[in-house]
Amino acid sequence: MGLHKADCHLEYARLYLAMDKKEDAKKMIHKMGYHRRDVDVEEIEEKLL
């Protein structure tokens, strides 16, 4: 179940970015705490800058 939760957190972060809610996106990224999708996390974090 943890893998699915990590995927959901990443998609929520992308959704928050699309809604211009960067602080919420940052919270989702840090809440995830999982490294299988580090490339996706890096992509989203670049957009937060």
PDB file of N, CA and C in Angstrom:
ATOM      1  N   MET A   1       0.821  -1.200   0.000  1.00  0.00           N
ATOM      2  CA  MET A   1       0.000   0.000   0.000  1.00  0.00           C
ATOM      3  C   MET A   1       0.863   1.262   0.000  1.00  0.00           C
ATOM      4  N   GLY A   2       2.060   1.165   0.558  1.00  0.00           N
ATOM      5  CA  GLY A   2       2.938   2.328   0.632  1.00  0.00           C
ATOM      6  C   GLY A   2       3.296   2.893  -0.730  1.00  0.00           C
ATOM      7  N   LEU A   3       3.479   2.027  -1.711  1.00  0.00           N
ATOM      8  CA  LEU A   3       3.807   2.496  -3.066  1.00  0.00           C
ATOM      9  C   LEU A   3       2.670   3.329  -3.639  1.00  0.00           C
ATOM     10  N   HIS A   4       1.465   2.889  -3.408  1.00  0.00           N
ATOM     11  CA  HIS A   4       0.315   3.615  -3.929  1.00  0.00           C
ATOM     12  C   HIS A   4       0.156   4.967  -3.233  1.00  0.00           C
ATOM     13  N   LYS A   5       0.434   4.999  -1.940  1.00  0.00           N
ATOM     14  CA  LYS A   5       0.356   6.265  -1.210  1.00  0.00           C
ATOM     15  C   LYS A   5       1.395   7.248  -1.734  1.00  0.00           C
ATOM     16  N   ALA A   6       2.602   6.760  -2.025  1.00  0.00           N
ATOM     17  CA  ALA A   6       3.649   7.632  -2.558  1.00  0.00           C
ATOM     18  C   ALA A   6       3.225   8.194  -3.908  1.00  0.00           C
ATOM     19  N   ASP A   7       2.661   7.353  -4.752  1.00  0.00           N
ATOM     20  CA  ASP A   7       2.184   7.825  -6.058  1.00  0.00           C
ATOM     21  C   ASP A   7       1.084   8.865  -5.895  1.00  0.00           C
ATOM     22  N   CYS A   8       0.191   8.646  -4.957  1.00  0.00           N
ATOM     23  CA  CYS A   8      -0.884   9.618  -4.707  1.00  0.00           C
ATOM     24  C   CYS A   8      -0.322  10.947  -4.227  1.00  0.00           C
ATOM     25  N   HIS A   9       0.645  10.906  -3.342  1.00  0.00           N
ATOM     26  CA  HIS A   9       1.251  12.151  -2.853  1.00  0.00           C
ATOM     27  C   HIS A   9       1.887  12.931  -3.994  1.00  0.00           C
ATOM     28  N   LEU A  10       2.555  12.231  -4.900  1.00  0.00           N
ATOM     29  CA  LEU A  10       3.163  12.913  -6.045  1.00  0.00           C
ATOM     30  C   LEU A  10       2.100  13.551  -6.938  1.00  0.00           C
ATOM     31  N   GLU A  11       1.040  12.848  -7.181  1.00  0.00           N
ATOM     32  CA  GLU A  11      -0.015  13.402  -8.031  1.00  0.00           C
ATOM     33  C   GLU A  11      -0.725  14.563  -7.360  1.00  0.00           C
ATOM     34  N   TYR A  12      -0.915  14.485  -6.043  1.00  0.00           N
ATOM     35  CA  TYR A  12      -1.480  15.626  -5.321  1.00  0.00           C
ATOM     36  C   TYR A  12      -0.545  16.828  -5.402  1.00  0.00           C
ATOM     37  N   ALA A  13       0.746  16.592  -5.315  1.00  0.00           N
ATOM     38  CA  ALA A  13       1.711  17.690  -5.431  1.00  0.00           C
ATOM     39  C   ALA A  13       1.592  18.340  -6.803  1.00  0.00           C
ATOM     40  N   ARG A  14       1.458  17.534  -7.843  1.00  0.00           N
ATOM     41  CA  ARG A  14       1.284  18.094  -9.197  1.00  0.00           C
ATOM     42  C   ARG A  14      -0.031  18.876  -9.298  1.00  0.00           C
ATOM     43  N   LEU A  15      -1.067  18.359  -8.687  1.00  0.00           N
ATOM     44  CA  LEU A  15      -2.356  19.051  -8.690  1.00  0.00           C
ATOM     45  C   LEU A  15      -2.235  20.402  -7.986  1.00  0.00           C
ATOM     46  N   TYR A  16      -1.597  20.416  -6.825  1.00  0.00           N
ATOM     47  CA  TYR A  16      -1.409  21.672  -6.102  1.00  0.00           C
ATOM     48  C   TYR A  16      -0.588  22.667  -6.925  1.00  0.00           C
ATOM     49  N   LEU A  17       0.411  22.175  -7.645  1.00  0.00           N
ATOM     50  CA  LEU A  17       1.188  23.067  -8.510  1.00  0.00           C
ATOM     51  C   LEU A  17       0.298  23.674  -9.589  1.00  0.00           C
ATOM     52  N   ALA A  18      -0.540  22.853 -10.190  1.00  0.00           N
ATOM     53  CA  ALA A  18      -1.440  23.337 -11.234  1.00  0.00           C
ATOM     54  C   ALA A  18      -2.411  24.384 -10.687  1.00  0.00           C
ATOM     55  N   MET A  19      -2.733  24.271  -9.411  1.00  0.00           N
ATOM     56  CA  MET A  19      -3.640  25.214  -8.759  1.00  0.00           C
ATOM     57  C   MET A  19      -2.872  26.390  -8.142  1.00  0.00           C
ATOM     58  N   ASP A  20      -1.567  26.441  -8.378  1.00  0.00           N
ATOM     59  CA  ASP A  20      -0.679  27.480  -7.853  1.00  0.00           C
ATOM     60  C   ASP A  20      -0.680  27.520  -6.322  1.00  0.00           C
ATOM     61  N   LYS A  21      -0.702  26.337  -5.721  1.00  0.00           N
ATOM     62  CA  LYS A  21      -0.627  26.197  -4.260  1.00  0.00           C
ATOM     63  C   LYS A  21       0.703  25.538  -3.922  1.00  0.00           C
ATOM     64  N   LYS A  22       1.767  26.298  -4.093  1.00  0.00           N
ATOM     65  CA  LYS A  22       3.117  25.743  -3.946  1.00  0.00           C
ATOM     66  C   LYS A  22       3.413  25.244  -2.538  1.00  0.00           C
ATOM     67  N   GLU A  23       2.920  25.928  -1.525  1.00  0.00           N
ATOM     68  CA  GLU A  23       3.183  25.484  -0.148  1.00  0.00           C
ATOM     69  C   GLU A  23       2.549  24.122   0.110  1.00  0.00           C
ATOM     70  N   ASP A  24       1.336  23.918  -0.405  1.00  0.00           N
ATOM     71  CA  ASP A  24       0.685  22.616  -0.251  1.00  0.00           C
ATOM     72  C   ASP A  24       1.451  21.538  -1.008  1.00  0.00           C
ATOM     73  N   ALA A  25       1.979  21.894  -2.179  1.00  0.00           N
ATOM     74  CA  ALA A  25       2.762  20.941  -2.965  1.00  0.00           C
ATOM     75  C   ALA A  25       4.027  20.546  -2.196  1.00  0.00           C
ATOM     76  N   LYS A  26       4.680  21.527  -1.574  1.00  0.00           N
ATOM     77  CA  LYS A  26       5.885  21.235  -0.786  1.00  0.00           C
ATOM     78  C   LYS A  26       5.567  20.285   0.361  1.00  0.00           C
ATOM     79  N   LYS A  27       4.441  20.515   1.026  1.00  0.00           N
ATOM     80  CA  LYS A  27       4.052  19.641   2.133  1.00  0.00           C
ATOM     81  C   LYS A  27       3.858  18.212   1.656  1.00  0.00           C
ATOM     82  N   MET A  28       3.225  18.041   0.505  1.00  0.00           N
ATOM     83  CA  MET A  28       3.000  16.695  -0.024  1.00  0.00           C
ATOM     84  C   MET A  28       4.319  16.008  -0.355  1.00  0.00           C
ATOM     85  N   ILE A  29       5.242  16.753  -0.931  1.00  0.00           N
ATOM     86  CA  ILE A  29       6.541  16.184  -1.305  1.00  0.00           C
ATOM     87  C   ILE A  29       7.264  15.690  -0.056  1.00  0.00           C
ATOM     88  N   HIS A  30       7.285  16.511   0.984  1.00  0.00           N
ATOM     89  CA  HIS A  30       8.018  16.141   2.192  1.00  0.00           C
ATOM     90  C   HIS A  30       7.293  15.066   2.998  1.00  0.00           C
ATOM     91  N   LYS A  31       5.990  15.038   2.888  1.00  0.00           N
ATOM     92  CA  LYS A  31       5.199  14.041   3.592  1.00  0.00           C
ATOM     93  C   LYS A  31       5.447  12.641   3.028  1.00  0.00           C
ATOM     94  N   MET A  32       5.774  12.590   1.743  1.00  0.00           N
ATOM     95  CA  MET A  32       5.931  11.311   1.065  1.00  0.00           C
ATOM     96  C   MET A  32       7.028  10.461   1.692  1.00  0.00           C
ATOM     97  N   GLY A  33       8.226  11.005   1.840  1.00  0.00           N
ATOM     98  CA  GLY A  33       9.326  10.285   2.475  1.00  0.00           C
ATOM     99  C   GLY A  33       9.658   8.955   1.833  1.00  0.00           C
ATOM    100  N   TYR A  34       9.538   8.879   0.538  1.00  0.00           N
ATOM    101  CA  TYR A  34       9.779   7.623  -0.177  1.00  0.00           C
ATOM    102  C   TYR A  34      10.648   7.929  -1.390  1.00  0.00           C
ATOM    103  N   HIS A  35      11.570   7.032  -1.730  1.00  0.00           N
ATOM    104  CA  HIS A  35      12.570   7.378  -2.740  1.00  0.00           C
ATOM    105  C   HIS A  35      12.444   6.645  -4.065  1.00  0.00           C
ATOM    106  N   ARG A  36      11.427   5.850  -4.253  1.00  0.00           N
ATOM    107  CA  ARG A  36      11.252   5.134  -5.514  1.00  0.00           C
ATOM    108  C   ARG A  36      11.021   6.107  -6.663  1.00  0.00           C
ATOM    109  N   ARG A  37      10.400   7.229  -6.387  1.00  0.00           N
ATOM    110  CA  ARG A  37      10.052   8.184  -7.430  1.00  0.00           C
ATOM    111  C   ARG A  37      10.849   9.483  -7.285  1.00  0.00           C
ATOM    112  N   ASP A  38      12.117   9.380  -6.904  1.00  0.00           N
ATOM    113  CA  ASP A  38      12.947  10.570  -6.688  1.00  0.00           C
ATOM    114  C   ASP A  38      13.019  11.462  -7.919  1.00  0.00           C
ATOM    115  N   VAL A  39      13.035  10.878  -9.104  1.00  0.00           N
ATOM    116  CA  VAL A  39      13.095  11.688 -10.330  1.00  0.00           C
ATOM    117  C   VAL A  39      11.855  12.570 -10.426  1.00  0.00           C
ATOM    118  N   ASP A  40      10.704  12.017 -10.101  1.00  0.00           N
ATOM    119  CA  ASP A  40       9.467  12.796 -10.125  1.00  0.00           C
ATOM    120  C   ASP A  40       9.490  13.892  -9.067  1.00  0.00           C
ATOM    121  N   VAL A  41      10.009  13.561  -7.895  1.00  0.00           N
ATOM    122  CA  VAL A  41      10.108  14.542  -6.822  1.00  0.00           C
ATOM    123  C   VAL A  41      11.009  15.705  -7.253  1.00  0.00           C
ATOM    124  N   GLU A  42      12.134  15.394  -7.860  1.00  0.00           N
ATOM    125  CA  GLU A  42      13.051  16.441  -8.324  1.00  0.00           C
ATOM    126  C   GLU A  42      12.378  17.329  -9.369  1.00  0.00           C
ATOM    127  N   GLU A  43      11.621  16.723 -10.267  1.00  0.00           N
ATOM    128  CA  GLU A  43      10.913  17.492 -11.297  1.00  0.00           C
ATOM    129  C   GLU A  43       9.934  18.472 -10.669  1.00  0.00           C
ATOM    130  N   ILE A  44       9.187  17.999  -9.695  1.00  0.00           N
ATOM    131  CA  ILE A  44       8.206  18.861  -9.036  1.00  0.00           C
ATOM    132  C   ILE A  44       8.899  19.942  -8.221  1.00  0.00           C
ATOM    133  N   GLU A  45       9.971  19.587  -7.512  1.00  0.00           N
ATOM    134  CA  GLU A  45      10.681  20.576  -6.699  1.00  0.00           C
ATOM    135  C   GLU A  45      11.295  21.672  -7.559  1.00  0.00           C
ATOM    136  N   GLU A  46      11.744  21.357  -8.767  1.00  0.00           N
ATOM    137  CA  GLU A  46      12.268  22.383  -9.675  1.00  0.00           C
ATOM    138  C   GLU A  46      11.183  23.403 -10.013  1.00  0.00           C
ATOM    139  N   LYS A  47       9.970  22.937 -10.165  1.00  0.00           N
ATOM    140  CA  LYS A  47       8.871  23.825 -10.498  1.00  0.00           C
ATOM    141  C   LYS A  47       8.444  24.684  -9.310  1.00  0.00           C
ATOM    142  N   LEU A  48       8.823  24.273  -8.112  1.00  0.00           N
ATOM    143  CA  LEU A  48       8.485  25.042  -6.915  1.00  0.00           C
ATOM    144  C   LEU A  48       9.373  26.270  -6.744  1.00  0.00           C
ATOM    145  N   LEU A  49      10.498  26.285  -7.404  1.00  0.00           N
ATOM    146  CA  LEU A  49      11.435  27.406  -7.242  1.00  0.00           C
ATOM    147  C   LEU A  49      10.987  28.662  -7.939  1.00  0.00           C
TER     148      LEU A  49
END
